[in-house]
Amino acid sequence: MSASQSENDTLKCPTCNFEHHAKTDIFGNRVSACDFDVREIFGITATCPICLETCHEVVALPCGHVLCKADYRRMGGFLRGVRDQESDEDSDDNLLIHVRRAGQHGVNGTYQRHHGDKNRYTQLGRFDAEDVEYCIEIRIIDRIKFWYLSCHTGNPSEAPVDFYKARVNERCAYPSRVKWEPAALFGKVPTPRVSVSSFE
């Protein structure tokens, strides 16, 4: 590698460790920064080998393996003509949070941002034979921010029932790419898988 080449001249596949090289023209000059001839794939869901989440926005590397678009960008990759959706989603009120595969089955489902509160997502459901509001919200415990996945009965005298918690990822305004763990006795394993989408 010459001194003029940057570290982003290669991208290693997280699945097979194959090193992909940035595209060059016939003279060996790079076509554009961080362009590894990756293709965006539509209409499928796949488990990303980096964040281990089920993702709807995936890209395929030239070796054929897929990963989520956000992790590809974090690795330094570039997609031609694609805007940075992660920063767009941070300010988007039309965000949906999809919770799947949680051991506490009642928390599974789709959550929507709660009436303009950017740190709270809710869905209606049932728990212990009662109608409840399941929510994902931020709480500060000992000066550390956590996402809590819990349910509220609507009775202000009753404390929420906590199922799972995850430390907030300060780079992301929604509870994605965080490590969930049981928050109390009600939080059964496996812990939830969370994905994000938006609607028009």
N, C-alpha and C. Protein backbone atom coordinates (compact mmCIF):
# COMPACT_ATOMS: atom_id res chain seq x y z
N MET A 1 0.84 -1.18 0.00
CA MET A 1 0.00 0.00 0.00
C MET A 1 0.88 1.23 0.00
N SER A 2 0.62 2.16 -0.91
CA SER A 2 1.44 3.36 -0.99
C SER A 2 1.06 4.32 0.10
N ALA A 3 1.92 5.33 0.34
CA ALA A 3 1.67 6.29 1.40
C ALA A 3 0.44 7.13 1.11
N SER A 4 0.08 7.27 -0.16
CA SER A 4 -1.08 8.09 -0.52
C SER A 4 -2.39 7.36 -0.32
N GLN A 5 -2.36 6.04 -0.16
CA GLN A 5 -3.58 5.28 0.03
C GLN A 5 -4.01 5.34 1.49
N SER A 6 -5.31 5.39 1.72
CA SER A 6 -5.82 5.44 3.08
C SER A 6 -6.16 4.05 3.57
N GLU A 7 -6.53 3.99 4.87
CA GLU A 7 -6.91 2.70 5.45
C GLU A 7 -8.20 2.19 4.83
N ASN A 8 -9.00 3.08 4.21
CA ASN A 8 -10.28 2.68 3.66
C ASN A 8 -10.18 2.09 2.27
N ASP A 9 -9.00 1.68 1.83
CA ASP A 9 -8.85 1.05 0.53
C ASP A 9 -9.37 -0.38 0.54
N THR A 10 -9.50 -0.98 1.71
CA THR A 10 -10.02 -2.35 1.81
C THR A 10 -11.14 -2.40 2.84
N LEU A 11 -12.04 -3.34 2.64
CA LEU A 11 -13.13 -3.58 3.56
C LEU A 11 -13.22 -5.09 3.76
N LYS A 12 -13.10 -5.54 4.99
CA LYS A 12 -13.11 -6.98 5.27
C LYS A 12 -14.53 -7.43 5.58
N CYS A 13 -14.97 -8.49 4.91
CA CYS A 13 -16.29 -9.06 5.16
C CYS A 13 -16.33 -9.63 6.58
N PRO A 14 -17.34 -9.26 7.39
CA PRO A 14 -17.40 -9.79 8.76
C PRO A 14 -17.77 -11.26 8.83
N THR A 15 -18.23 -11.84 7.72
CA THR A 15 -18.62 -13.25 7.71
C THR A 15 -17.49 -14.16 7.25
N CYS A 16 -16.87 -13.83 6.09
CA CYS A 16 -15.85 -14.73 5.53
C CYS A 16 -14.44 -14.14 5.58
N ASN A 17 -14.29 -12.91 6.06
CA ASN A 17 -13.00 -12.22 6.16
C ASN A 17 -12.34 -11.92 4.82
N PHE A 18 -13.08 -12.03 3.73
CA PHE A 18 -12.53 -11.67 2.43
C PHE A 18 -12.32 -10.16 2.38
N GLU A 19 -11.18 -9.73 1.85
CA GLU A 19 -10.89 -8.30 1.76
C GLU A 19 -11.33 -7.75 0.41
N HIS A 20 -12.28 -6.84 0.45
CA HIS A 20 -12.77 -6.18 -0.76
C HIS A 20 -11.98 -4.87 -0.93
N HIS A 21 -11.60 -4.58 -2.14
CA HIS A 21 -10.82 -3.37 -2.42
C HIS A 21 -11.71 -2.30 -3.03
N ALA A 22 -11.40 -1.05 -2.71
CA ALA A 22 -12.17 0.07 -3.26
C ALA A 22 -12.07 0.05 -4.78
N LYS A 23 -13.14 0.45 -5.46
CA LYS A 23 -13.18 0.44 -6.92
C LYS A 23 -12.15 1.43 -7.49
N THR A 24 -11.53 1.02 -8.57
CA THR A 24 -10.56 1.89 -9.26
C THR A 24 -10.89 1.91 -10.75
N ASP A 25 -10.36 2.94 -11.43
CA ASP A 25 -10.53 2.96 -12.88
C ASP A 25 -9.42 2.11 -13.52
N ILE A 26 -9.34 2.11 -14.84
CA ILE A 26 -8.37 1.24 -15.52
C ILE A 26 -6.92 1.64 -15.25
N PHE A 27 -6.71 2.85 -14.71
CA PHE A 27 -5.36 3.30 -14.39
C PHE A 27 -4.99 3.08 -12.92
N GLY A 28 -5.91 2.49 -12.16
CA GLY A 28 -5.63 2.22 -10.74
C GLY A 28 -6.01 3.36 -9.81
N ASN A 29 -6.66 4.41 -10.34
CA ASN A 29 -7.10 5.52 -9.50
C ASN A 29 -8.46 5.19 -8.89
N ARG A 30 -8.64 5.53 -7.62
CA ARG A 30 -9.90 5.24 -6.95
C ARG A 30 -11.04 6.01 -7.60
N VAL A 31 -12.16 5.33 -7.82
CA VAL A 31 -13.32 5.95 -8.46
C VAL A 31 -13.97 6.95 -7.52
N SER A 32 -14.22 6.55 -6.29
CA SER A 32 -14.75 7.46 -5.27
C SER A 32 -14.40 6.89 -3.91
N ALA A 33 -14.46 7.76 -2.92
CA ALA A 33 -14.06 7.34 -1.57
C ALA A 33 -14.95 6.21 -1.06
N CYS A 34 -14.35 5.18 -0.59
CA CYS A 34 -15.02 4.10 0.13
C CYS A 34 -16.08 3.38 -0.69
N ASP A 35 -15.94 3.33 -2.01
CA ASP A 35 -16.90 2.62 -2.85
C ASP A 35 -16.36 1.22 -3.11
N PHE A 36 -16.99 0.21 -2.51
CA PHE A 36 -16.52 -1.17 -2.61
C PHE A 36 -17.42 -2.02 -3.51
N ASP A 37 -18.19 -1.38 -4.38
CA ASP A 37 -19.09 -2.06 -5.30
C ASP A 37 -20.13 -2.89 -4.55
N VAL A 38 -20.63 -2.32 -3.46
CA VAL A 38 -21.66 -2.96 -2.65
C VAL A 38 -23.02 -2.60 -3.22
N ARG A 39 -23.96 -3.53 -3.15
CA ARG A 39 -25.31 -3.31 -3.70
C ARG A 39 -26.34 -3.35 -2.58
N GLU A 40 -27.28 -2.40 -2.64
CA GLU A 40 -28.38 -2.40 -1.69
C GLU A 40 -29.39 -3.46 -2.13
N ILE A 41 -29.89 -4.26 -1.18
CA ILE A 41 -30.83 -5.34 -1.47
C ILE A 41 -32.19 -4.96 -0.89
N PHE A 42 -33.24 -5.06 -1.71
CA PHE A 42 -34.58 -4.69 -1.28
C PHE A 42 -35.46 -5.94 -1.16
N GLY A 43 -36.45 -5.86 -0.27
CA GLY A 43 -37.46 -6.91 -0.17
C GLY A 43 -37.07 -8.13 0.64
N ILE A 44 -35.96 -8.06 1.40
CA ILE A 44 -35.59 -9.19 2.25
C ILE A 44 -35.29 -8.68 3.65
N THR A 45 -35.31 -9.58 4.61
CA THR A 45 -34.80 -9.30 5.94
C THR A 45 -33.68 -10.29 6.20
N ALA A 46 -32.68 -9.83 6.91
CA ALA A 46 -31.53 -10.70 7.20
C ALA A 46 -30.97 -10.32 8.56
N THR A 47 -30.30 -11.28 9.19
CA THR A 47 -29.62 -11.00 10.46
C THR A 47 -28.23 -10.49 10.15
N CYS A 48 -27.95 -9.29 10.62
CA CYS A 48 -26.64 -8.68 10.38
C CYS A 48 -25.59 -9.39 11.22
N PRO A 49 -24.44 -9.77 10.64
CA PRO A 49 -23.41 -10.47 11.41
C PRO A 49 -22.67 -9.57 12.40
N ILE A 50 -22.89 -8.26 12.34
CA ILE A 50 -22.20 -7.34 13.25
C ILE A 50 -23.08 -7.03 14.46
N CYS A 51 -24.28 -6.46 14.21
CA CYS A 51 -25.15 -6.08 15.33
C CYS A 51 -26.08 -7.21 15.76
N LEU A 52 -26.16 -8.29 14.96
CA LEU A 52 -26.98 -9.47 15.25
C LEU A 52 -28.47 -9.16 15.32
N GLU A 53 -28.89 -8.08 14.65
CA GLU A 53 -30.30 -7.73 14.61
C GLU A 53 -30.91 -8.13 13.27
N THR A 54 -32.21 -8.39 13.29
CA THR A 54 -32.92 -8.64 12.04
C THR A 54 -33.18 -7.30 11.37
N CYS A 55 -32.64 -7.12 10.18
CA CYS A 55 -32.67 -5.82 9.51
C CYS A 55 -33.41 -5.90 8.19
N HIS A 56 -34.10 -4.81 7.86
CA HIS A 56 -34.82 -4.70 6.59
C HIS A 56 -33.99 -3.96 5.56
N GLU A 57 -33.07 -3.13 6.00
CA GLU A 57 -32.21 -2.37 5.09
C GLU A 57 -30.84 -3.03 5.09
N VAL A 58 -30.59 -3.84 4.06
CA VAL A 58 -29.35 -4.61 3.99
C VAL A 58 -28.61 -4.33 2.69
N VAL A 59 -27.32 -4.59 2.73
CA VAL A 59 -26.49 -4.47 1.54
C VAL A 59 -25.75 -5.79 1.34
N ALA A 60 -25.40 -6.08 0.09
CA ALA A 60 -24.64 -7.28 -0.23
C ALA A 60 -23.24 -6.88 -0.66
N LEU A 61 -22.25 -7.50 -0.05
CA LEU A 61 -20.86 -7.29 -0.44
C LEU A 61 -20.59 -8.10 -1.71
N PRO A 62 -19.52 -7.78 -2.45
CA PRO A 62 -19.23 -8.55 -3.66
C PRO A 62 -19.04 -10.05 -3.42
N CYS A 63 -18.66 -10.44 -2.18
CA CYS A 63 -18.50 -11.87 -1.88
C CYS A 63 -19.85 -12.57 -1.70
N GLY A 64 -20.94 -11.78 -1.65
CA GLY A 64 -22.28 -12.36 -1.53
C GLY A 64 -22.87 -12.29 -0.15
N HIS A 65 -22.09 -11.97 0.88
CA HIS A 65 -22.62 -11.90 2.23
C HIS A 65 -23.31 -10.56 2.45
N VAL A 66 -24.31 -10.56 3.34
CA VAL A 66 -25.08 -9.34 3.60
C VAL A 66 -24.82 -8.83 5.01
N LEU A 67 -25.05 -7.54 5.19
CA LEU A 67 -25.02 -6.90 6.50
C LEU A 67 -25.93 -5.69 6.44
N CYS A 68 -26.26 -5.12 7.59
CA CYS A 68 -27.17 -3.99 7.58
C CYS A 68 -26.46 -2.75 7.05
N LYS A 69 -27.26 -1.87 6.47
CA LYS A 69 -26.72 -0.68 5.83
C LYS A 69 -26.00 0.23 6.84
N ALA A 70 -26.55 0.33 8.06
CA ALA A 70 -25.95 1.20 9.07
C ALA A 70 -24.55 0.71 9.46
N ASP A 71 -24.39 -0.60 9.64
CA ASP A 71 -23.07 -1.12 10.01
C ASP A 71 -22.09 -1.01 8.85
N TYR A 72 -22.56 -1.16 7.63
CA TYR A 72 -21.69 -0.97 6.47
C TYR A 72 -21.14 0.46 6.45
N ARG A 73 -22.02 1.43 6.74
CA ARG A 73 -21.55 2.82 6.80
C ARG A 73 -20.57 3.03 7.94
N ARG A 74 -20.85 2.39 9.09
CA ARG A 74 -19.93 2.53 10.23
C ARG A 74 -18.55 1.96 9.92
N MET A 75 -18.51 0.95 9.06
CA MET A 75 -17.23 0.36 8.67
C MET A 75 -16.49 1.24 7.66
N GLY A 76 -17.11 2.34 7.26
CA GLY A 76 -16.47 3.25 6.32
C GLY A 76 -16.96 3.11 4.90
N GLY A 77 -18.00 2.31 4.68
CA GLY A 77 -18.50 2.10 3.33
C GLY A 77 -19.37 3.24 2.83
N PHE A 78 -19.57 3.25 1.54
CA PHE A 78 -20.30 4.32 0.87
C PHE A 78 -21.29 3.69 -0.11
N LEU A 79 -22.52 4.22 -0.12
CA LEU A 79 -23.52 3.78 -1.09
C LEU A 79 -23.86 4.96 -1.98
N ARG A 80 -23.71 4.78 -3.25
CA ARG A 80 -23.95 5.85 -4.21
C ARG A 80 -25.44 6.24 -4.21
N GLY A 81 -25.71 7.54 -4.03
CA GLY A 81 -27.07 8.06 -4.12
C GLY A 81 -27.95 7.76 -2.93
N VAL A 82 -27.37 7.33 -1.81
CA VAL A 82 -28.17 7.03 -0.62
C VAL A 82 -27.85 8.05 0.45
N ARG A 83 -28.88 8.72 0.94
CA ARG A 83 -28.64 9.70 2.00
C ARG A 83 -28.46 8.98 3.32
N ASP A 84 -27.99 9.66 4.32
CA ASP A 84 -27.75 9.06 5.63
C ASP A 84 -29.08 8.94 6.36
N GLN A 85 -29.72 7.78 6.22
CA GLN A 85 -31.04 7.60 6.80
C GLN A 85 -31.01 7.58 8.31
N GLU A 86 -29.90 7.13 8.92
CA GLU A 86 -29.88 7.03 10.37
C GLU A 86 -30.07 8.40 10.99
N SER A 87 -29.39 9.43 10.45
CA SER A 87 -29.57 10.76 11.00
C SER A 87 -30.95 11.30 10.70
N ASP A 88 -31.54 10.90 9.54
CA ASP A 88 -32.90 11.32 9.22
C ASP A 88 -33.88 10.70 10.20
N GLU A 89 -33.68 9.43 10.55
CA GLU A 89 -34.61 8.75 11.43
C GLU A 89 -34.58 9.33 12.83
N ASP A 90 -33.43 9.86 13.25
CA ASP A 90 -33.33 10.42 14.59
C ASP A 90 -34.34 11.53 14.81
N SER A 91 -34.69 12.29 13.75
CA SER A 91 -35.62 13.40 13.89
C SER A 91 -36.99 13.07 13.32
N ASP A 92 -37.25 11.85 12.98
CA ASP A 92 -38.47 11.45 12.30
C ASP A 92 -39.52 11.01 13.31
N ASP A 93 -40.70 11.67 13.28
CA ASP A 93 -41.79 11.27 14.18
C ASP A 93 -42.51 10.02 13.68
N ASN A 94 -42.23 9.58 12.47
CA ASN A 94 -42.90 8.42 11.89
C ASN A 94 -42.10 7.14 12.10
N LEU A 95 -41.40 7.06 13.20
CA LEU A 95 -40.53 5.93 13.48
C LEU A 95 -41.32 4.79 14.12
N LEU A 96 -41.04 3.56 13.68
CA LEU A 96 -41.63 2.36 14.27
C LEU A 96 -40.51 1.49 14.83
N ILE A 97 -40.71 1.00 16.04
CA ILE A 97 -39.75 0.10 16.69
C ILE A 97 -40.39 -1.29 16.72
N HIS A 98 -39.72 -2.27 16.12
CA HIS A 98 -40.24 -3.63 16.06
C HIS A 98 -39.49 -4.50 17.06
N VAL A 99 -40.21 -5.08 18.01
CA VAL A 99 -39.62 -5.95 19.03
C VAL A 99 -40.02 -7.37 18.71
N ARG A 100 -39.02 -8.27 18.62
CA ARG A 100 -39.28 -9.67 18.27
C ARG A 100 -38.47 -10.60 19.17
N ARG A 101 -38.92 -11.80 19.23
CA ARG A 101 -38.20 -12.92 19.86
C ARG A 101 -37.89 -12.72 21.34
N ALA A 102 -38.66 -11.88 22.02
CA ALA A 102 -38.44 -11.72 23.46
C ALA A 102 -39.09 -12.88 24.20
N GLY A 103 -38.42 -13.35 25.25
CA GLY A 103 -38.97 -14.44 26.06
C GLY A 103 -40.28 -14.07 26.73
N GLN A 104 -40.43 -12.79 27.11
CA GLN A 104 -41.71 -12.29 27.63
C GLN A 104 -42.54 -11.89 26.42
N HIS A 105 -43.39 -12.80 25.95
CA HIS A 105 -44.05 -12.65 24.65
C HIS A 105 -44.91 -11.40 24.52
N GLY A 106 -45.46 -10.90 25.61
CA GLY A 106 -46.33 -9.73 25.54
C GLY A 106 -45.64 -8.48 25.02
N VAL A 107 -44.33 -8.39 25.17
CA VAL A 107 -43.63 -7.17 24.73
C VAL A 107 -43.38 -7.17 23.22
N ASN A 108 -43.50 -8.33 22.58
CA ASN A 108 -43.26 -8.40 21.14
C ASN A 108 -44.31 -7.60 20.38
N GLY A 109 -43.89 -6.93 19.32
CA GLY A 109 -44.83 -6.16 18.52
C GLY A 109 -44.19 -4.90 17.99
N THR A 110 -45.03 -3.98 17.52
CA THR A 110 -44.57 -2.74 16.91
C THR A 110 -44.94 -1.56 17.79
N TYR A 111 -43.95 -0.74 18.08
CA TYR A 111 -44.12 0.43 18.95
C TYR A 111 -43.99 1.69 18.12
N GLN A 112 -44.80 2.70 18.46
CA GLN A 112 -44.75 3.98 17.77
C GLN A 112 -44.39 5.07 18.77
N ARG A 113 -43.72 6.12 18.27
CA ARG A 113 -43.35 7.24 19.14
C ARG A 113 -44.60 7.79 19.80
N HIS A 114 -44.48 8.05 21.11
CA HIS A 114 -45.62 8.44 21.93
C HIS A 114 -45.89 9.94 21.83
N HIS A 115 -46.83 10.33 21.01
CA HIS A 115 -47.33 11.71 20.92
C HIS A 115 -46.24 12.77 21.02
N GLY A 116 -45.23 12.67 20.19
CA GLY A 116 -44.19 13.70 20.12
C GLY A 116 -43.09 13.57 21.15
N ASP A 117 -43.18 12.62 22.09
CA ASP A 117 -42.11 12.42 23.07
C ASP A 117 -41.06 11.53 22.43
N LYS A 118 -39.90 12.11 22.10
CA LYS A 118 -38.91 11.35 21.33
C LYS A 118 -38.23 10.24 22.12
N ASN A 119 -38.42 10.21 23.43
CA ASN A 119 -37.78 9.18 24.25
C ASN A 119 -38.76 8.13 24.76
N ARG A 120 -39.93 8.03 24.11
CA ARG A 120 -40.93 7.06 24.57
C ARG A 120 -41.69 6.49 23.38
N TYR A 121 -41.78 5.15 23.33
CA TYR A 121 -42.50 4.44 22.27
C TYR A 121 -43.49 3.51 22.94
N THR A 122 -44.70 3.40 22.38
CA THR A 122 -45.74 2.63 23.06
C THR A 122 -46.51 1.72 22.11
N GLN A 123 -47.16 0.72 22.70
CA GLN A 123 -48.14 -0.13 22.02
C GLN A 123 -49.09 -0.65 23.09
N LEU A 124 -50.32 -0.97 22.70
CA LEU A 124 -51.30 -1.51 23.64
C LEU A 124 -51.25 -3.03 23.61
N GLY A 125 -51.55 -3.64 24.75
CA GLY A 125 -51.53 -5.10 24.83
C GLY A 125 -52.17 -5.58 26.11
N ARG A 126 -51.90 -6.83 26.45
CA ARG A 126 -52.44 -7.42 27.69
C ARG A 126 -51.31 -8.04 28.48
N PHE A 127 -51.42 -7.91 29.81
CA PHE A 127 -50.47 -8.55 30.71
C PHE A 127 -51.21 -8.93 31.97
N ASP A 128 -51.06 -10.16 32.39
CA ASP A 128 -51.68 -10.65 33.62
C ASP A 128 -53.20 -10.39 33.60
N ALA A 129 -53.82 -10.69 32.45
CA ALA A 129 -55.27 -10.56 32.23
C ALA A 129 -55.77 -9.12 32.34
N GLU A 130 -54.91 -8.14 32.14
CA GLU A 130 -55.30 -6.73 32.16
C GLU A 130 -54.87 -6.05 30.88
N ASP A 131 -55.64 -5.01 30.47
CA ASP A 131 -55.22 -4.15 29.37
C ASP A 131 -54.11 -3.25 29.88
N VAL A 132 -53.01 -3.19 29.14
CA VAL A 132 -51.86 -2.39 29.57
C VAL A 132 -51.28 -1.63 28.38
N GLU A 133 -50.45 -0.68 28.69
CA GLU A 133 -49.68 0.02 27.67
C GLU A 133 -48.22 -0.42 27.83
N TYR A 134 -47.71 -1.14 26.82
CA TYR A 134 -46.29 -1.49 26.81
C TYR A 134 -45.52 -0.28 26.33
N CYS A 135 -44.38 -0.01 26.91
CA CYS A 135 -43.61 1.15 26.47
C CYS A 135 -42.12 0.88 26.53
N ILE A 136 -41.43 1.59 25.66
CA ILE A 136 -39.97 1.64 25.67
C ILE A 136 -39.64 3.09 25.98
N GLU A 137 -38.97 3.33 27.09
CA GLU A 137 -38.70 4.71 27.51
C GLU A 137 -37.33 4.82 28.16
N ILE A 138 -36.83 6.05 28.18
CA ILE A 138 -35.53 6.31 28.81
C ILE A 138 -35.74 6.65 30.28
N ARG A 139 -34.90 6.04 31.13
CA ARG A 139 -34.84 6.39 32.55
C ARG A 139 -33.38 6.59 32.91
N ILE A 140 -33.14 7.45 33.86
CA ILE A 140 -31.77 7.71 34.32
C ILE A 140 -31.61 7.07 35.69
N ILE A 141 -30.68 6.12 35.79
CA ILE A 141 -30.40 5.41 37.04
C ILE A 141 -28.93 5.67 37.38
N ASP A 142 -28.68 6.27 38.54
CA ASP A 142 -27.31 6.60 38.96
C ASP A 142 -26.55 7.36 37.87
N ARG A 143 -27.21 8.35 37.28
CA ARG A 143 -26.65 9.22 36.23
C ARG A 143 -26.30 8.48 34.94
N ILE A 144 -26.86 7.29 34.74
CA ILE A 144 -26.65 6.53 33.50
C ILE A 144 -28.02 6.35 32.83
N LYS A 145 -28.07 6.62 31.52
CA LYS A 145 -29.34 6.49 30.78
C LYS A 145 -29.54 5.05 30.34
N PHE A 146 -30.76 4.56 30.58
CA PHE A 146 -31.15 3.22 30.16
C PHE A 146 -32.47 3.29 29.39
N TRP A 147 -32.62 2.44 28.39
CA TRP A 147 -33.92 2.18 27.80
C TRP A 147 -34.57 1.10 28.66
N TYR A 148 -35.82 1.28 29.03
CA TYR A 148 -36.58 0.26 29.76
C TYR A 148 -37.76 -0.17 28.90
N LEU A 149 -37.98 -1.47 28.81
CA LEU A 149 -39.13 -2.03 28.13
C LEU A 149 -40.03 -2.55 29.24
N SER A 150 -41.18 -1.92 29.43
CA SER A 150 -42.03 -2.23 30.57
C SER A 150 -43.49 -2.08 30.19
N CYS A 151 -44.39 -2.28 31.15
CA CYS A 151 -45.81 -2.04 30.90
C CYS A 151 -46.41 -1.27 32.06
N HIS A 152 -47.43 -0.47 31.73
CA HIS A 152 -48.15 0.36 32.69
C HIS A 152 -49.63 -0.01 32.63
N THR A 153 -50.26 -0.16 33.80
CA THR A 153 -51.67 -0.52 33.84
C THR A 153 -52.57 0.69 33.66
N GLY A 154 -52.05 1.88 33.79
CA GLY A 154 -52.88 3.08 33.73
C GLY A 154 -53.26 3.58 35.12
N ASN A 155 -52.99 2.78 36.14
CA ASN A 155 -53.24 3.19 37.52
C ASN A 155 -51.99 3.89 38.04
N PRO A 156 -52.06 5.21 38.32
CA PRO A 156 -50.86 5.94 38.74
C PRO A 156 -50.26 5.46 40.06
N SER A 157 -51.05 4.75 40.87
CA SER A 157 -50.51 4.26 42.15
C SER A 157 -49.69 2.98 41.99
N GLU A 158 -49.76 2.36 40.81
CA GLU A 158 -49.01 1.13 40.57
C GLU A 158 -47.73 1.44 39.79
N ALA A 159 -46.63 0.86 40.24
CA ALA A 159 -45.36 1.04 39.53
C ALA A 159 -45.39 0.24 38.23
N PRO A 160 -44.64 0.70 37.22
CA PRO A 160 -44.58 -0.08 35.98
C PRO A 160 -43.91 -1.44 36.21
N VAL A 161 -44.30 -2.41 35.40
CA VAL A 161 -43.68 -3.73 35.46
C VAL A 161 -42.54 -3.72 34.43
N ASP A 162 -41.31 -3.83 34.92
CA ASP A 162 -40.14 -3.79 34.03
C ASP A 162 -39.78 -5.19 33.56
N PHE A 163 -39.51 -5.29 32.24
CA PHE A 163 -39.12 -6.57 31.66
C PHE A 163 -37.65 -6.58 31.24
N TYR A 164 -37.24 -5.58 30.47
CA TYR A 164 -35.88 -5.55 29.93
C TYR A 164 -35.31 -4.13 30.03
N LYS A 165 -33.99 -4.05 30.06
CA LYS A 165 -33.34 -2.75 30.04
C LYS A 165 -32.08 -2.84 29.18
N ALA A 166 -31.65 -1.69 28.68
CA ALA A 166 -30.45 -1.61 27.85
C ALA A 166 -29.86 -0.23 28.01
N ARG A 167 -28.55 -0.17 28.09
CA ARG A 167 -27.88 1.13 28.20
C ARG A 167 -28.06 1.90 26.89
N VAL A 168 -28.34 3.19 27.01
CA VAL A 168 -28.61 4.03 25.83
C VAL A 168 -27.35 4.20 25.00
N ASN A 169 -27.50 4.04 23.70
CA ASN A 169 -26.44 4.34 22.75
C ASN A 169 -26.59 5.81 22.39
N GLU A 170 -25.68 6.67 22.88
CA GLU A 170 -25.81 8.11 22.71
C GLU A 170 -25.74 8.54 21.24
N ARG A 171 -25.23 7.68 20.36
CA ARG A 171 -25.14 8.03 18.94
C ARG A 171 -26.45 7.80 18.21
N CYS A 172 -27.45 7.26 18.90
CA CYS A 172 -28.70 6.90 18.24
C CYS A 172 -29.87 7.33 19.12
N ALA A 173 -30.87 7.99 18.53
CA ALA A 173 -31.99 8.54 19.30
C ALA A 173 -33.10 7.53 19.53
N TYR A 174 -32.91 6.30 19.13
CA TYR A 174 -33.93 5.28 19.33
C TYR A 174 -33.26 4.00 19.82
N PRO A 175 -34.03 3.06 20.39
CA PRO A 175 -33.43 1.89 21.05
C PRO A 175 -33.02 0.77 20.09
N SER A 176 -32.10 1.07 19.20
CA SER A 176 -31.60 0.07 18.28
C SER A 176 -30.10 -0.08 18.51
N ARG A 177 -29.57 -1.26 18.21
CA ARG A 177 -28.16 -1.57 18.40
C ARG A 177 -27.71 -1.36 19.85
N VAL A 178 -28.56 -1.82 20.76
CA VAL A 178 -28.23 -1.81 22.18
C VAL A 178 -28.35 -3.24 22.69
N LYS A 179 -27.71 -3.53 23.80
CA LYS A 179 -27.73 -4.89 24.35
C LYS A 179 -28.76 -4.97 25.46
N TRP A 180 -29.84 -5.68 25.17
CA TRP A 180 -30.93 -5.83 26.14
C TRP A 180 -30.59 -6.92 27.15
N GLU A 181 -31.07 -6.73 28.38
CA GLU A 181 -30.91 -7.74 29.44
C GLU A 181 -32.16 -7.72 30.30
N PRO A 182 -32.47 -8.83 30.98
CA PRO A 182 -33.66 -8.82 31.85
C PRO A 182 -33.51 -7.76 32.93
N ALA A 183 -34.61 -7.01 33.16
CA ALA A 183 -34.57 -5.94 34.15
C ALA A 183 -35.09 -6.40 35.51
N ALA A 184 -35.85 -7.48 35.53
CA ALA A 184 -36.43 -7.99 36.77
C ALA A 184 -36.83 -9.44 36.55
N LEU A 185 -37.54 -10.00 37.51
CA LEU A 185 -37.96 -11.40 37.40
C LEU A 185 -38.87 -11.64 36.20
N PHE A 186 -39.57 -10.60 35.75
CA PHE A 186 -40.50 -10.77 34.62
C PHE A 186 -39.78 -10.83 33.28
N GLY A 187 -38.53 -10.40 33.24
CA GLY A 187 -37.79 -10.38 31.97
C GLY A 187 -37.20 -11.74 31.65
N LYS A 188 -37.88 -12.49 30.81
CA LYS A 188 -37.46 -13.85 30.49
C LYS A 188 -36.52 -13.84 29.29
N VAL A 189 -35.59 -14.79 29.27
CA VAL A 189 -34.73 -14.94 28.10
C VAL A 189 -35.47 -15.79 27.07
N PRO A 190 -35.22 -15.62 25.78
CA PRO A 190 -34.20 -14.74 25.21
C PRO A 190 -34.61 -13.27 25.29
N THR A 191 -33.60 -12.40 25.27
CA THR A 191 -33.86 -10.97 25.29
C THR A 191 -34.34 -10.52 23.91
N PRO A 192 -34.98 -9.36 23.83
CA PRO A 192 -35.60 -8.97 22.56
C PRO A 192 -34.61 -8.63 21.46
N ARG A 193 -35.05 -8.83 20.22
CA ARG A 193 -34.36 -8.33 19.02
C ARG A 193 -35.16 -7.13 18.56
N VAL A 194 -34.49 -6.03 18.29
CA VAL A 194 -35.16 -4.78 17.94
C VAL A 194 -34.71 -4.32 16.57
N SER A 195 -35.66 -3.93 15.73
CA SER A 195 -35.34 -3.32 14.44
C SER A 195 -36.19 -2.06 14.29
N VAL A 196 -35.81 -1.22 13.34
CA VAL A 196 -36.43 0.09 13.19
C VAL A 196 -36.89 0.27 11.75
N SER A 197 -38.04 0.89 11.57
CA SER A 197 -38.49 1.29 10.24
C SER A 197 -39.27 2.59 10.40
N SER A 198 -39.70 3.15 9.29
CA SER A 198 -40.53 4.36 9.37
C SER A 198 -41.64 4.25 8.35
N PHE A 199 -42.69 5.04 8.55
CA PHE A 199 -43.82 5.03 7.62
C PHE A 199 -44.06 6.44 7.13
N GLU A 200 -44.75 6.53 6.00
CA GLU A 200 -45.03 7.85 5.40
C GLU A 200 -46.29 8.42 6.00
